[in-house]
Amino acid sequence: MSVWRFSIVHNKVYYGEKQRTKLTKRGCNEPFKDRYWCPKQQWFRRAPCPFINQRECENYIKMCGCL
C-alpha cells in the first residue's frame, strides 16, 4: 500500500498517481478540489492564502513567529 502524496516539481503538480501543469507561478494557493496548497506548511488550507507572494509570507513569519 502506498501513501497518497501531493507535490510540485518544476512545472508539474503530482497528486497520487495523477499529474497536471501547475496553475500558479510559485505553487502557493495551488487548487486541489476545494482546498489550496501551502508549500510553506506542506498542507492544504480551506481558504486561499492572504499573502501576495512568498516573500510577504516569510516576512509575516519573521515578525510573528508562525503562520
C-alpha atoms as a PDB file:
ATOM      1  CA  MET A   1       0.000   0.000   0.000  1.00  0.00           C
ATOM      2  CA  SER A   2       1.420   3.404  -0.941  1.00  0.00           C
ATOM      3  CA  VAL A   3       0.880   6.788   0.681  1.00  0.00           C
ATOM      4  CA  TRP A   4      -1.023   9.409  -1.324  1.00  0.00           C
ATOM      5  CA  ARG A   5       1.194  12.438  -1.966  1.00  0.00           C
ATOM      6  CA  PHE A   6       0.750  15.959  -3.267  1.00  0.00           C
ATOM      7  CA  SER A   7       3.910  17.578  -4.594  1.00  0.00           C
ATOM      8  CA  ILE A   8       5.094  20.236  -7.019  1.00  0.00           C
ATOM      9  CA  VAL A   9       8.186  19.557  -9.109  1.00  0.00           C
ATOM     10  CA  HIS A  10       9.251  22.192 -11.630  1.00  0.00           C
ATOM     11  CA  ASN A  11       6.128  22.947 -13.697  1.00  0.00           C
ATOM     12  CA  LYS A  12       4.084  19.850 -12.728  1.00  0.00           C
ATOM     13  CA  VAL A  13       1.726  19.107  -9.853  1.00  0.00           C
ATOM     14  CA  TYR A  14       1.623  15.470  -8.760  1.00  0.00           C
ATOM     15  CA  TYR A  15      -1.213  14.091  -6.668  1.00  0.00           C
ATOM     16  CA  GLY A  16      -1.432  10.380  -6.144  1.00  0.00           C
ATOM     17  CA  GLU A  17      -0.641   8.788  -9.491  1.00  0.00           C
ATOM     18  CA  LYS A  18      -2.010  11.742 -11.491  1.00  0.00           C
ATOM     19  CA  GLN A  19      -0.293  14.895 -12.688  1.00  0.00           C
ATOM     20  CA  ARG A  20      -1.158  18.233 -14.276  1.00  0.00           C
ATOM     21  CA  THR A  21       0.533  21.507 -15.185  1.00  0.00           C
ATOM     22  CA  LYS A  22       0.999  23.983 -12.341  1.00  0.00           C
ATOM     23  CA  LEU A  23      -1.584  26.804 -12.391  1.00  0.00           C
ATOM     24  CA  THR A  24       0.187  29.286 -10.123  1.00  0.00           C
ATOM     25  CA  LYS A  25       3.659  30.773 -10.522  1.00  0.00           C
ATOM     26  CA  ARG A  26       5.169  29.809  -7.139  1.00  0.00           C
ATOM     27  CA  GLY A  27       2.890  26.941  -6.102  1.00  0.00           C
ATOM     28  CA  CYS A  28       1.148  28.988  -3.412  1.00  0.00           C
ATOM     29  CA  ASN A  29      -2.634  28.521  -3.419  1.00  0.00           C
ATOM     30  CA  GLU A  30      -2.391  25.714  -5.967  1.00  0.00           C
ATOM     31  CA  PRO A  31      -6.015  24.499  -6.075  1.00  0.00           C
ATOM     32  CA  PHE A  32      -6.982  20.899  -5.428  1.00  0.00           C
ATOM     33  CA  LYS A  33     -10.701  20.204  -5.181  1.00  0.00           C
ATOM     34  CA  ASP A  34     -11.996  22.773  -2.633  1.00  0.00           C
ATOM     35  CA  ARG A  35      -8.631  23.342  -0.880  1.00  0.00           C
ATOM     36  CA  TYR A  36      -5.476  25.376  -1.552  1.00  0.00           C
ATOM     37  CA  TRP A  37      -1.908  24.103  -1.220  1.00  0.00           C
ATOM     38  CA  CYS A  38       0.528  25.949   1.056  1.00  0.00           C
ATOM     39  CA  PRO A  39       4.133  24.995   0.193  1.00  0.00           C
ATOM     40  CA  LYS A  40       5.396  26.575   3.426  1.00  0.00           C
ATOM     41  CA  GLN A  41       3.232  24.326   5.626  1.00  0.00           C
ATOM     42  CA  GLN A  42       3.232  21.436   3.146  1.00  0.00           C
ATOM     43  CA  TRP A  43      -0.509  21.128   3.720  1.00  0.00           C
ATOM     44  CA  PHE A  44      -3.873  22.290   2.372  1.00  0.00           C
ATOM     45  CA  ARG A  45      -5.784  25.369   3.539  1.00  0.00           C
ATOM     46  CA  ARG A  46      -9.549  25.860   3.405  1.00  0.00           C
ATOM     47  CA  ALA A  47      -9.211  29.402   2.004  1.00  0.00           C
ATOM     48  CA  PRO A  48      -6.600  30.922  -0.303  1.00  0.00           C
ATOM     49  CA  CYS A  49      -3.548  32.381   1.401  1.00  0.00           C
ATOM     50  CA  PRO A  50      -3.958  36.139   2.005  1.00  0.00           C
ATOM     51  CA  PHE A  51      -0.336  36.929   1.087  1.00  0.00           C
ATOM     52  CA  ILE A  52       0.549  38.211  -2.376  1.00  0.00           C
ATOM     53  CA  ASN A  53       3.809  36.248  -2.627  1.00  0.00           C
ATOM     54  CA  GLN A  54       6.171  34.032  -0.616  1.00  0.00           C
ATOM     55  CA  ARG A  55       8.320  36.990   0.473  1.00  0.00           C
ATOM     56  CA  GLU A  56       5.294  38.567   2.186  1.00  0.00           C
ATOM     57  CA  CYS A  57       4.591  35.215   3.850  1.00  0.00           C
ATOM     58  CA  GLU A  58       8.200  34.923   5.055  1.00  0.00           C
ATOM     59  CA  ASN A  59       8.148  38.488   6.420  1.00  0.00           C
ATOM     60  CA  TYR A  60       4.978  37.717   8.376  1.00  0.00           C
ATOM     61  CA  ILE A  61       6.585  34.599   9.850  1.00  0.00           C
ATOM     62  CA  LYS A  62       9.695  36.577  10.853  1.00  0.00           C
ATOM     63  CA  MET A  63       7.573  39.245  12.578  1.00  0.00           C
ATOM     64  CA  CYS A  64       5.010  36.953  14.234  1.00  0.00           C
ATOM     65  CA  GLY A  65       6.874  33.654  14.607  1.00  0.00           C
ATOM     66  CA  CYS A  66       4.319  31.433  12.844  1.00  0.00           C
ATOM     67  CA  LEU A  67       1.510  31.327  10.303  1.00  0.00           C
END
